[in-house]
Amino acid sequence: GDIVRVDRVAASVRVEGEVRRPGLVRFEGGRTVNEYVRLSGGFSNRASHGQVRITRAVTGQTILARDISALEPGDLIWVPERGETANWQNFQSILLVLAQIATVIVAVRR
């Protein structure tokens, strides 16, 4: 007497990471990665546009988006966050070197 209900499976692509509205987007053949990102609200301010990756639903293989010719239902689009700016890291390195030089100068003057 039990009733089993099975919902229809809608073909979709998951868009995650640094987009404004992450989640599922209805799959439509011929759409580009950028169209799926746009349908997810677009890139956030922290998004790394050049490092977008696709994880294939069937194989689990992860590939840079620029190397993908077409998306398939179930694929995952991952938009990573931009890394720390190189300027800050360069500043820290320069500061460290200057501190080491200052230490050597003080030691030599004694």
PDB file of N, CA and C in Angstrom:
ATOM      1  N   GLY A   1       0.794  -1.185   0.000  1.00  0.00           N
ATOM      2  CA  GLY A   1       0.000   0.000   0.000  1.00  0.00           C
ATOM      3  C   GLY A   1       0.852   1.273   0.000  1.00  0.00           C
ATOM      4  N   ASP A   2       2.195   1.127  -0.006  1.00  0.00           N
ATOM      5  CA  ASP A   2       3.047   2.312  -0.023  1.00  0.00           C
ATOM      6  C   ASP A   2       3.031   2.963  -1.403  1.00  0.00           C
ATOM      7  N   ILE A   3       3.235   4.256  -1.387  1.00  0.00           N
ATOM      8  CA  ILE A   3       3.343   4.990  -2.637  1.00  0.00           C
ATOM      9  C   ILE A   3       4.768   5.516  -2.730  1.00  0.00           C
ATOM     10  N   VAL A   4       5.431   5.215  -3.827  1.00  0.00           N
ATOM     11  CA  VAL A   4       6.793   5.694  -4.053  1.00  0.00           C
ATOM     12  C   VAL A   4       6.732   6.779  -5.117  1.00  0.00           C
ATOM     13  N   ARG A   5       7.241   7.923  -4.758  1.00  0.00           N
ATOM     14  CA  ARG A   5       7.239   9.053  -5.687  1.00  0.00           C
ATOM     15  C   ARG A   5       8.674   9.341  -6.105  1.00  0.00           C
ATOM     16  N   VAL A   6       8.906   9.401  -7.384  1.00  0.00           N
ATOM     17  CA  VAL A   6      10.232   9.702  -7.915  1.00  0.00           C
ATOM     18  C   VAL A   6      10.130  10.994  -8.716  1.00  0.00           C
ATOM     19  N   ASP A   7      10.846  12.015  -8.256  1.00  0.00           N
ATOM     20  CA  ASP A   7      10.831  13.292  -8.967  1.00  0.00           C
ATOM     21  C   ASP A   7      11.597  13.179 -10.273  1.00  0.00           C
ATOM     22  N   ARG A   8      11.150  13.955 -11.253  1.00  0.00           N
ATOM     23  CA  ARG A   8      11.856  14.014 -12.523  1.00  0.00           C
ATOM     24  C   ARG A   8      13.235  14.614 -12.309  1.00  0.00           C
ATOM     25  N   VAL A   9      14.201  14.089 -12.993  1.00  0.00           N
ATOM     26  CA  VAL A   9      15.549  14.632 -12.919  1.00  0.00           C
ATOM     27  C   VAL A   9      15.685  15.681 -14.019  1.00  0.00           C
ATOM     28  N   ALA A  10      15.993  16.879 -13.618  1.00  0.00           N
ATOM     29  CA  ALA A  10      16.203  17.954 -14.589  1.00  0.00           C
ATOM     30  C   ALA A  10      17.696  18.073 -14.855  1.00  0.00           C
ATOM     31  N   ALA A  11      18.056  18.103 -16.096  1.00  0.00           N
ATOM     32  CA  ALA A  11      19.466  18.261 -16.452  1.00  0.00           C
ATOM     33  C   ALA A  11      19.932  19.640 -16.002  1.00  0.00           C
ATOM     34  N   SER A  12      21.049  19.663 -15.296  1.00  0.00           N
ATOM     35  CA  SER A  12      21.545  20.933 -14.780  1.00  0.00           C
ATOM     36  C   SER A  12      23.063  20.938 -14.725  1.00  0.00           C
ATOM     37  N   VAL A  13      23.604  22.107 -14.523  1.00  0.00           N
ATOM     38  CA  VAL A  13      25.029  22.325 -14.303  1.00  0.00           C
ATOM     39  C   VAL A  13      25.142  23.070 -12.983  1.00  0.00           C
ATOM     40  N   ARG A  14      26.070  22.660 -12.131  1.00  0.00           N
ATOM     41  CA  ARG A  14      26.263  23.331 -10.844  1.00  0.00           C
ATOM     42  C   ARG A  14      27.357  24.378 -11.006  1.00  0.00           C
ATOM     43  N   VAL A  15      27.073  25.595 -10.541  1.00  0.00           N
ATOM     44  CA  VAL A  15      28.048  26.688 -10.581  1.00  0.00           C
ATOM     45  C   VAL A  15      28.346  27.066  -9.136  1.00  0.00           C
ATOM     46  N   GLU A  16      29.602  26.931  -8.734  1.00  0.00           N
ATOM     47  CA  GLU A  16      29.993  27.168  -7.342  1.00  0.00           C
ATOM     48  C   GLU A  16      31.202  28.085  -7.270  1.00  0.00           C
ATOM     49  N   GLY A  17      31.479  28.551  -6.084  1.00  0.00           N
ATOM     50  CA  GLY A  17      32.653  29.380  -5.848  1.00  0.00           C
ATOM     51  C   GLY A  17      32.302  30.847  -5.840  1.00  0.00           C
ATOM     52  N   GLU A  18      33.145  31.644  -6.452  1.00  0.00           N
ATOM     53  CA  GLU A  18      33.025  33.098  -6.402  1.00  0.00           C
ATOM     54  C   GLU A  18      32.075  33.636  -7.476  1.00  0.00           C
ATOM     55  N   VAL A  19      30.796  33.242  -7.353  1.00  0.00           N
ATOM     56  CA  VAL A  19      29.712  33.804  -8.160  1.00  0.00           C
ATOM     57  C   VAL A  19      28.685  34.359  -7.186  1.00  0.00           C
ATOM     58  N   ARG A  20      27.843  35.230  -7.666  1.00  0.00           N
ATOM     59  CA  ARG A  20      26.894  35.911  -6.779  1.00  0.00           C
ATOM     60  C   ARG A  20      25.784  35.003  -6.262  1.00  0.00           C
ATOM     61  N   ARG A  21      25.319  34.053  -7.074  1.00  0.00           N
ATOM     62  CA  ARG A  21      24.263  33.122  -6.647  1.00  0.00           C
ATOM     63  C   ARG A  21      24.658  31.685  -7.016  1.00  0.00           C
ATOM     64  N   PRO A  22      25.525  31.059  -6.221  1.00  0.00           N
ATOM     65  CA  PRO A  22      25.950  29.691  -6.539  1.00  0.00           C
ATOM     66  C   PRO A  22      24.769  28.729  -6.485  1.00  0.00           C
ATOM     67  N   GLY A  23      24.868  27.669  -7.265  1.00  0.00           N
ATOM     68  CA  GLY A  23      23.828  26.648  -7.249  1.00  0.00           C
ATOM     69  C   GLY A  23      23.631  26.020  -8.615  1.00  0.00           C
ATOM     70  N   LEU A  24      22.473  25.389  -8.778  1.00  0.00           N
ATOM     71  CA  LEU A  24      22.171  24.692 -10.019  1.00  0.00           C
ATOM     72  C   LEU A  24      21.576  25.636 -11.056  1.00  0.00           C
ATOM     73  N   VAL A  25      22.003  25.437 -12.294  1.00  0.00           N
ATOM     74  CA  VAL A  25      21.466  26.176 -13.430  1.00  0.00           C
ATOM     75  C   VAL A  25      21.002  25.135 -14.440  1.00  0.00           C
ATOM     76  N   ARG A  26      19.822  25.339 -14.968  1.00  0.00           N
ATOM     77  CA  ARG A  26      19.269  24.387 -15.931  1.00  0.00           C
ATOM     78  C   ARG A  26      20.197  24.235 -17.132  1.00  0.00           C
ATOM     79  N   PHE A  27      20.501  22.989 -17.485  1.00  0.00           N
ATOM     80  CA  PHE A  27      21.388  22.713 -18.614  1.00  0.00           C
ATOM     81  C   PHE A  27      20.669  22.997 -19.925  1.00  0.00           C
ATOM     82  N   GLU A  28      21.402  23.661 -20.795  1.00  0.00           N
ATOM     83  CA  GLU A  28      20.922  23.877 -22.149  1.00  0.00           C
ATOM     84  C   GLU A  28      22.124  23.747 -23.067  1.00  0.00           C
ATOM     85  N   GLY A  29      22.072  22.786 -23.982  1.00  0.00           N
ATOM     86  CA  GLY A  29      23.187  22.550 -24.890  1.00  0.00           C
ATOM     87  C   GLY A  29      23.585  23.811 -25.633  1.00  0.00           C
ATOM     88  N   GLY A  30      24.877  23.999 -25.796  1.00  0.00           N
ATOM     89  CA  GLY A  30      25.370  25.153 -26.530  1.00  0.00           C
ATOM     90  C   GLY A  30      25.715  26.350 -25.665  1.00  0.00           C
ATOM     91  N   ARG A  31      25.297  26.357 -24.410  1.00  0.00           N
ATOM     92  CA  ARG A  31      25.657  27.468 -23.525  1.00  0.00           C
ATOM     93  C   ARG A  31      27.144  27.399 -23.197  1.00  0.00           C
ATOM     94  N   THR A  32      27.731  28.563 -23.052  1.00  0.00           N
ATOM     95  CA  THR A  32      29.148  28.635 -22.692  1.00  0.00           C
ATOM     96  C   THR A  32      29.293  28.700 -21.173  1.00  0.00           C
ATOM     97  N   VAL A  33      30.509  28.528 -20.715  1.00  0.00           N
ATOM     98  CA  VAL A  33      30.800  28.641 -19.286  1.00  0.00           C
ATOM     99  C   VAL A  33      30.407  30.032 -18.794  1.00  0.00           C
ATOM    100  N   ASN A  34      30.750  31.060 -19.557  1.00  0.00           N
ATOM    101  CA  ASN A  34      30.423  32.435 -19.141  1.00  0.00           C
ATOM    102  C   ASN A  34      28.917  32.655 -19.062  1.00  0.00           C
ATOM    103  N   GLU A  35      28.142  32.001 -19.914  1.00  0.00           N
ATOM    104  CA  GLU A  35      26.683  32.134 -19.841  1.00  0.00           C
ATOM    105  C   GLU A  35      26.145  31.513 -18.554  1.00  0.00           C
ATOM    106  N   TYR A  36      26.694  30.360 -18.164  1.00  0.00           N
ATOM    107  CA  TYR A  36      26.268  29.738 -16.907  1.00  0.00           C
ATOM    108  C   TYR A  36      26.660  30.608 -15.712  1.00  0.00           C
ATOM    109  N   VAL A  37      27.849  31.197 -15.769  1.00  0.00           N
ATOM    110  CA  VAL A  37      28.275  32.097 -14.691  1.00  0.00           C
ATOM    111  C   VAL A  37      27.343  33.305 -14.633  1.00  0.00           C
ATOM    112  N   ARG A  38      27.007  33.865 -15.787  1.00  0.00           N
ATOM    113  CA  ARG A  38      26.096  35.016 -15.833  1.00  0.00           C
ATOM    114  C   ARG A  38      24.737  34.647 -15.248  1.00  0.00           C
ATOM    115  N   LEU A  39      24.246  33.434 -15.551  1.00  0.00           N
ATOM    116  CA  LEU A  39      22.960  32.983 -15.014  1.00  0.00           C
ATOM    117  C   LEU A  39      23.022  32.755 -13.504  1.00  0.00           C
ATOM    118  N   SER A  40      24.232  32.647 -12.972  1.00  0.00           N
ATOM    119  CA  SER A  40      24.428  32.506 -11.523  1.00  0.00           C
ATOM    120  C   SER A  40      24.731  33.852 -10.878  1.00  0.00           C
ATOM    121  N   GLY A  41      24.408  34.918 -11.552  1.00  0.00           N
ATOM    122  CA  GLY A  41      24.592  36.250 -10.994  1.00  0.00           C
ATOM    123  C   GLY A  41      25.884  36.920 -11.395  1.00  0.00           C
ATOM    124  N   GLY A  42      26.738  36.208 -12.103  1.00  0.00           N
ATOM    125  CA  GLY A  42      28.011  36.787 -12.532  1.00  0.00           C
ATOM    126  C   GLY A  42      29.118  36.557 -11.516  1.00  0.00           C
ATOM    127  N   PHE A  43      30.315  36.922 -11.916  1.00  0.00           N
ATOM    128  CA  PHE A  43      31.484  36.775 -11.052  1.00  0.00           C
ATOM    129  C   PHE A  43      31.381  37.716  -9.858  1.00  0.00           C
ATOM    130  N   SER A  44      31.841  37.266  -8.691  1.00  0.00           N
ATOM    131  CA  SER A  44      31.933  38.153  -7.533  1.00  0.00           C
ATOM    132  C   SER A  44      33.177  39.019  -7.701  1.00  0.00           C
ATOM    133  N   ASN A  45      33.346  39.980  -6.820  1.00  0.00           N
ATOM    134  CA  ASN A  45      34.513  40.867  -6.890  1.00  0.00           C
ATOM    135  C   ASN A  45      35.823  40.137  -6.622  1.00  0.00           C
ATOM    136  N   ARG A  46      35.740  38.998  -5.963  1.00  0.00           N
ATOM    137  CA  ARG A  46      36.954  38.253  -5.592  1.00  0.00           C
ATOM    138  C   ARG A  46      37.264  37.109  -6.553  1.00  0.00           C
ATOM    139  N   ALA A  47      36.524  36.985  -7.641  1.00  0.00           N
ATOM    140  CA  ALA A  47      36.672  35.855  -8.556  1.00  0.00           C
ATOM    141  C   ALA A  47      37.957  35.924  -9.368  1.00  0.00           C
ATOM    142  N   SER A  48      38.541  34.766  -9.595  1.00  0.00           N
ATOM    143  CA  SER A  48      39.699  34.639 -10.474  1.00  0.00           C
ATOM    144  C   SER A  48      39.181  34.176 -11.830  1.00  0.00           C
ATOM    145  N   HIS A  49      38.923  35.106 -12.717  1.00  0.00           N
ATOM    146  CA  HIS A  49      38.297  34.817 -14.015  1.00  0.00           C
ATOM    147  C   HIS A  49      39.097  33.825 -14.851  1.00  0.00           C
ATOM    148  N   GLY A  50      40.401  33.902 -14.799  1.00  0.00           N
ATOM    149  CA  GLY A  50      41.244  33.055 -15.642  1.00  0.00           C
ATOM    150  C   GLY A  50      41.480  31.658 -15.109  1.00  0.00           C
ATOM    151  N   GLN A  51      41.014  31.350 -13.911  1.00  0.00           N
ATOM    152  CA  GLN A  51      41.279  30.042 -13.308  1.00  0.00           C
ATOM    153  C   GLN A  51      40.019  29.197 -13.140  1.00  0.00           C
ATOM    154  N   VAL A  52      38.957  29.526 -13.857  1.00  0.00           N
ATOM    155  CA  VAL A  52      37.703  28.773 -13.758  1.00  0.00           C
ATOM    156  C   VAL A  52      37.956  27.346 -14.236  1.00  0.00           C
ATOM    157  N   ARG A  53      37.452  26.384 -13.461  1.00  0.00           N
ATOM    158  CA  ARG A  53      37.655  24.961 -13.780  1.00  0.00           C
ATOM    159  C   ARG A  53      36.316  24.245 -13.918  1.00  0.00           C
ATOM    160  N   ILE A  54      36.332  23.200 -14.706  1.00  0.00           N
ATOM    161  CA  ILE A  54      35.158  22.356 -14.911  1.00  0.00           C
ATOM    162  C   ILE A  54      35.491  20.962 -14.397  1.00  0.00           C
ATOM    163  N   THR A  55      34.606  20.401 -13.579  1.00  0.00           N
ATOM    164  CA  THR A  55      34.744  19.006 -13.170  1.00  0.00           C
ATOM    165  C   THR A  55      33.658  18.226 -13.895  1.00  0.00           C
ATOM    166  N   ARG A  56      34.089  17.262 -14.691  1.00  0.00           N
ATOM    167  CA  ARG A  56      33.169  16.463 -15.493  1.00  0.00           C
ATOM    168  C   ARG A  56      32.372  15.526 -14.595  1.00  0.00           C
ATOM    169  N   ALA A  57      31.065  15.446 -14.815  1.00  0.00           N
ATOM    170  CA  ALA A  57      30.189  14.605 -14.008  1.00  0.00           C
ATOM    171  C   ALA A  57      30.478  13.126 -14.231  1.00  0.00           C
ATOM    172  N   VAL A  58      30.775  12.762 -15.439  1.00  0.00           N
ATOM    173  CA  VAL A  58      30.941  11.347 -15.773  1.00  0.00           C
ATOM    174  C   VAL A  58      32.280  10.809 -15.303  1.00  0.00           C
ATOM    175  N   THR A  59      33.371  11.558 -15.532  1.00  0.00           N
ATOM    176  CA  THR A  59      34.709  11.048 -15.227  1.00  0.00           C
ATOM    177  C   THR A  59      35.305  11.605 -13.940  1.00  0.00           C
ATOM    178  N   GLY A  60      34.800  12.748 -13.465  1.00  0.00           N
ATOM    179  CA  GLY A  60      35.375  13.394 -12.292  1.00  0.00           C
ATOM    180  C   GLY A  60      36.630  14.171 -12.614  1.00  0.00           C
ATOM    181  N   GLN A  61      36.999  14.222 -13.888  1.00  0.00           N
ATOM    182  CA  GLN A  61      38.196  14.926 -14.321  1.00  0.00           C
ATOM    183  C   GLN A  61      37.983  16.438 -14.208  1.00  0.00           C
ATOM    184  N   THR A  62      38.992  17.148 -13.701  1.00  0.00           N
ATOM    185  CA  THR A  62      38.924  18.600 -13.583  1.00  0.00           C
ATOM    186  C   THR A  62      39.821  19.231 -14.643  1.00  0.00           C
ATOM    187  N   ILE A  63      39.243  20.177 -15.393  1.00  0.00           N
ATOM    188  CA  ILE A  63      39.918  20.784 -16.538  1.00  0.00           C
ATOM    189  C   ILE A  63      39.690  22.297 -16.482  1.00  0.00           C
ATOM    190  N   LEU A  64      40.668  23.074 -16.913  1.00  0.00           N
ATOM    191  CA  LEU A  64      40.464  24.518 -17.020  1.00  0.00           C
ATOM    192  C   LEU A  64      39.353  24.791 -18.021  1.00  0.00           C
ATOM    193  N   ALA A  65      38.517  25.759 -17.717  1.00  0.00           N
ATOM    194  CA  ALA A  65      37.355  26.061 -18.558  1.00  0.00           C
ATOM    195  C   ALA A  65      37.756  26.417 -19.978  1.00  0.00           C
ATOM    196  N   ARG A  66      38.896  27.093 -20.142  1.00  0.00           N
ATOM    197  CA  ARG A  66      39.311  27.490 -21.489  1.00  0.00           C
ATOM    198  C   ARG A  66      39.659  26.292 -22.368  1.00  0.00           C
ATOM    199  N   ASP A  67      39.858  25.113 -21.757  1.00  0.00           N
ATOM    200  CA  ASP A  67      40.184  23.904 -22.518  1.00  0.00           C
ATOM    201  C   ASP A  67      38.958  23.042 -22.811  1.00  0.00           C
ATOM    202  N   ILE A  68      37.760  23.521 -22.457  1.00  0.00           N
ATOM    203  CA  ILE A  68      36.521  22.768 -22.646  1.00  0.00           C
ATOM    204  C   ILE A  68      35.798  23.304 -23.878  1.00  0.00           C
ATOM    205  N   SER A  69      35.392  22.394 -24.756  1.00  0.00           N
ATOM    206  CA  SER A  69      34.652  22.845 -25.942  1.00  0.00           C
ATOM    207  C   SER A  69      33.154  22.920 -25.664  1.00  0.00           C
ATOM    208  N   ALA A  70      32.635  22.017 -24.831  1.00  0.00           N
ATOM    209  CA  ALA A  70      31.196  22.023 -24.526  1.00  0.00           C
ATOM    210  C   ALA A  70      30.973  21.420 -23.145  1.00  0.00           C
ATOM    211  N   LEU A  71      29.958  21.925 -22.468  1.00  0.00           N
ATOM    212  CA  LEU A  71      29.581  21.396 -21.155  1.00  0.00           C
ATOM    213  C   LEU A  71      28.560  20.284 -21.329  1.00  0.00           C
ATOM    214  N   GLU A  72      28.463  19.443 -20.304  1.00  0.00           N
ATOM    215  CA  GLU A  72      27.507  18.338 -20.303  1.00  0.00           C
ATOM    216  C   GLU A  72      26.658  18.420 -19.043  1.00  0.00           C
ATOM    217  N   PRO A  73      25.464  17.833 -19.065  1.00  0.00           N
ATOM    218  CA  PRO A  73      24.622  17.844 -17.861  1.00  0.00           C
ATOM    219  C   PRO A  73      25.377  17.230 -16.680  1.00  0.00           C
ATOM    220  N   GLY A  74      25.259  17.861 -15.529  1.00  0.00           N
ATOM    221  CA  GLY A  74      25.897  17.357 -14.318  1.00  0.00           C
ATOM    222  C   GLY A  74      27.279  17.914 -14.065  1.00  0.00           C
ATOM    223  N   ASP A  75      27.855  18.617 -15.039  1.00  0.00           N
ATOM    224  CA  ASP A  75      29.189  19.188 -14.847  1.00  0.00           C
ATOM    225  C   ASP A  75      29.162  20.251 -13.752  1.00  0.00           C
ATOM    226  N   LEU A  76      30.321  20.456 -13.124  1.00  0.00           N
ATOM    227  CA  LEU A  76      30.483  21.464 -12.085  1.00  0.00           C
ATOM    228  C   LEU A  76      31.413  22.550 -12.606  1.00  0.00           C
ATOM    229  N   ILE A  77      30.963  23.785 -12.514  1.00  0.00           N
ATOM    230  CA  ILE A  77      31.803  24.939 -12.842  1.00  0.00           C
ATOM    231  C   ILE A  77      32.286  25.511 -11.516  1.00  0.00           C
ATOM    232  N   TRP A  78      33.609  25.570 -11.325  1.00  0.00           N
ATOM    233  CA  TRP A  78      34.180  26.094 -10.090  1.00  0.00           C
ATOM    234  C   TRP A  78      34.916  27.391 -10.401  1.00  0.00           C
ATOM    235  N   VAL A  79      34.483  28.481  -9.748  1.00  0.00           N
ATOM    236  CA  VAL A  79      35.123  29.785  -9.906  1.00  0.00           C
ATOM    237  C   VAL A  79      35.908  30.048  -8.626  1.00  0.00           C
ATOM    238  N   PRO A  80      37.241  29.918  -8.682  1.00  0.00           N
ATOM    239  CA  PRO A  80      38.029  30.105  -7.459  1.00  0.00           C
ATOM    240  C   PRO A  80      38.199  31.574  -7.103  1.00  0.00           C
ATOM    241  N   GLU A  81      38.611  31.789  -5.868  1.00  0.00           N
ATOM    242  CA  GLU A  81      38.899  33.133  -5.373  1.00  0.00           C
ATOM    243  C   GLU A  81      40.285  33.553  -5.851  1.00  0.00           C
ATOM    244  N   ARG A  82      40.418  34.836  -6.167  1.00  0.00           N
ATOM    245  CA  ARG A  82      41.733  35.376  -6.516  1.00  0.00           C
ATOM    246  C   ARG A  82      42.672  35.164  -5.348  1.00  0.00           C
ATOM    247  N   GLY A  83      43.900  34.867  -5.625  1.00  0.00           N
ATOM    248  CA  GLY A  83      44.886  34.718  -4.562  1.00  0.00           C
ATOM    249  C   GLY A  83      45.251  36.073  -3.994  1.00  0.00           C
ATOM    250  N   GLU A  84      45.967  36.042  -2.895  1.00  0.00           N
ATOM    251  CA  GLU A  84      46.456  37.296  -2.325  1.00  0.00           C
ATOM    252  C   GLU A  84      47.239  38.040  -3.400  1.00  0.00           C
ATOM    253  N   THR A  85      47.170  39.326  -3.377  1.00  0.00           N
ATOM    254  CA  THR A  85      47.879  40.097  -4.396  1.00  0.00           C
ATOM    255  C   THR A  85      49.377  39.900  -4.236  1.00  0.00           C
ATOM    256  N   ALA A  86      50.052  39.800  -5.323  1.00  0.00           N
ATOM    257  CA  ALA A  86      51.501  39.608  -5.313  1.00  0.00           C
ATOM    258  C   ALA A  86      52.190  40.819  -4.693  1.00  0.00           C
ATOM    259  N   ASN A  87      51.574  41.984  -4.800  1.00  0.00           N
ATOM    260  CA  ASN A  87      52.182  43.195  -4.237  1.00  0.00           C
ATOM    261  C   ASN A  87      52.400  43.064  -2.731  1.00  0.00           C
ATOM    262  N   TRP A  88      51.417  42.534  -2.029  1.00  0.00           N
ATOM    263  CA  TRP A  88      51.542  42.377  -0.573  1.00  0.00           C
ATOM    264  C   TRP A  88      52.649  41.390  -0.243  1.00  0.00           C
ATOM    265  N   GLN A  89      52.722  40.300  -0.968  1.00  0.00           N
ATOM    266  CA  GLN A  89      53.769  39.309  -0.724  1.00  0.00           C
ATOM    267  C   GLN A  89      55.138  39.885  -1.038  1.00  0.00           C
ATOM    268  N   ASN A  90      55.234  40.661  -2.111  1.00  0.00           N
ATOM    269  CA  ASN A  90      56.508  41.303  -2.460  1.00  0.00           C
ATOM    270  C   ASN A  90      56.922  42.299  -1.379  1.00  0.00           C
ATOM    271  N   PHE A  91      55.982  43.064  -0.880  1.00  0.00           N
ATOM    272  CA  PHE A  91      56.261  44.027   0.184  1.00  0.00           C
ATOM    273  C   PHE A  91      56.795  43.312   1.429  1.00  0.00           C
ATOM    274  N   GLN A  92      56.179  42.196   1.794  1.00  0.00           N
ATOM    275  CA  GLN A  92      56.634  41.447   2.965  1.00  0.00           C
ATOM    276  C   GLN A  92      58.056  40.929   2.760  1.00  0.00           C
ATOM    277  N   SER A  93      58.349  40.436   1.568  1.00  0.00           N
ATOM    278  CA  SER A  93      59.691  39.919   1.284  1.00  0.00           C
ATOM    279  C   SER A  93      60.735  41.029   1.349  1.00  0.00           C
ATOM    280  N   ILE A  94      60.410  42.179   0.769  1.00  0.00           N
ATOM    281  CA  ILE A  94      61.336  43.315   0.787  1.00  0.00           C
ATOM    282  C   ILE A  94      61.571  43.786   2.222  1.00  0.00           C
ATOM    283  N   LEU A  95      60.505  43.845   3.004  1.00  0.00           N
ATOM    284  CA  LEU A  95      60.619  44.258   4.395  1.00  0.00           C
ATOM    285  C   LEU A  95      61.518  43.292   5.178  1.00  0.00           C
ATOM    286  N   LEU A  96      61.381  42.021   4.931  1.00  0.00           N
ATOM    287  CA  LEU A  96      62.199  41.016   5.604  1.00  0.00           C
ATOM    288  C   LEU A  96      63.676  41.183   5.238  1.00  0.00           C
ATOM    289  N   VAL A  97      63.946  41.394   3.965  1.00  0.00           N
ATOM    290  CA  VAL A  97      65.333  41.581   3.521  1.00  0.00           C
ATOM    291  C   VAL A  97      65.922  42.844   4.142  1.00  0.00           C
ATOM    292  N   LEU A  98      65.143  43.938   4.156  1.00  0.00           N
ATOM    293  CA  LEU A  98      65.628  45.184   4.763  1.00  0.00           C
ATOM    294  C   LEU A  98      65.925  44.995   6.252  1.00  0.00           C
ATOM    295  N   ALA A  99      65.088  44.239   6.943  1.00  0.00           N
ATOM    296  CA  ALA A  99      65.320  43.976   8.366  1.00  0.00           C
ATOM    297  C   ALA A  99      66.605  43.178   8.564  1.00  0.00           C
ATOM    298  N   GLN A 100      66.870  42.227   7.688  1.00  0.00           N
ATOM    299  CA  GLN A 100      68.098  41.435   7.783  1.00  0.00           C
ATOM    300  C   GLN A 100      69.330  42.295   7.506  1.00  0.00           C
ATOM    301  N   ILE A 101      69.218  43.183   6.513  1.00  0.00           N
ATOM    302  CA  ILE A 101      70.338  44.085   6.200  1.00  0.00           C
ATOM    303  C   ILE A 101      70.603  45.016   7.382  1.00  0.00           C
ATOM    304  N   ALA A 102      69.542  45.546   7.971  1.00  0.00           N
ATOM    305  CA  ALA A 102      69.692  46.435   9.125  1.00  0.00           C
ATOM    306  C   ALA A 102      70.363  45.700  10.280  1.00  0.00           C
ATOM    307  N   THR A 103      70.027  44.453  10.490  1.00  0.00           N
ATOM    308  CA  THR A 103      70.636  43.657  11.557  1.00  0.00           C
ATOM    309  C   THR A 103      72.129  43.481  11.314  1.00  0.00           C
ATOM    310  N   VAL A 104      72.516  43.215  10.062  1.00  0.00           N
ATOM    311  CA  VAL A 104      73.934  43.045   9.717  1.00  0.00           C
ATOM    312  C   VAL A 104      74.681  44.360   9.946  1.00  0.00           C
ATOM    313  N   ILE A 105      74.097  45.491   9.537  1.00  0.00           N
ATOM    314  CA  ILE A 105      74.754  46.798   9.709  1.00  0.00           C
ATOM    315  C   ILE A 105      74.954  47.092  11.191  1.00  0.00           C
ATOM    316  N   VAL A 106      73.966  46.845  12.011  1.00  0.00           N
ATOM    317  CA  VAL A 106      74.081  47.087  13.452  1.00  0.00           C
ATOM    318  C   VAL A 106      75.152  46.186  14.048  1.00  0.00           C
ATOM    319  N   ALA A 107      75.199  44.927  13.626  1.00  0.00           N
ATOM    320  CA  ALA A 107      76.206  43.984  14.158  1.00  0.00           C
ATOM    321  C   ALA A 107      77.612  44.385  13.746  1.00  0.00           C
ATOM    322  N   VAL A 108      77.793  44.900  12.527  1.00  0.00           N
ATOM    323  CA  VAL A 108      79.115  45.286  12.042  1.00  0.00           C
ATOM    324  C   VAL A 108      79.608  46.554  12.749  1.00  0.00           C
ATOM    325  N   ARG A 109      78.745  47.470  13.075  1.00  0.00           N
ATOM    326  CA  ARG A 109      79.127  48.748  13.712  1.00  0.00           C
ATOM    327  C   ARG A 109      79.560  48.551  15.152  1.00  0.00           C
ATOM    328  N   ARG A 110      79.205  47.466  15.790  1.00  0.00           N
ATOM    329  CA  ARG A 110      79.590  47.243  17.206  1.00  0.00           C
ATOM    330  C   ARG A 110      80.977  46.830  17.319  1.00  0.00           C
TER     331      ARG A 110
END
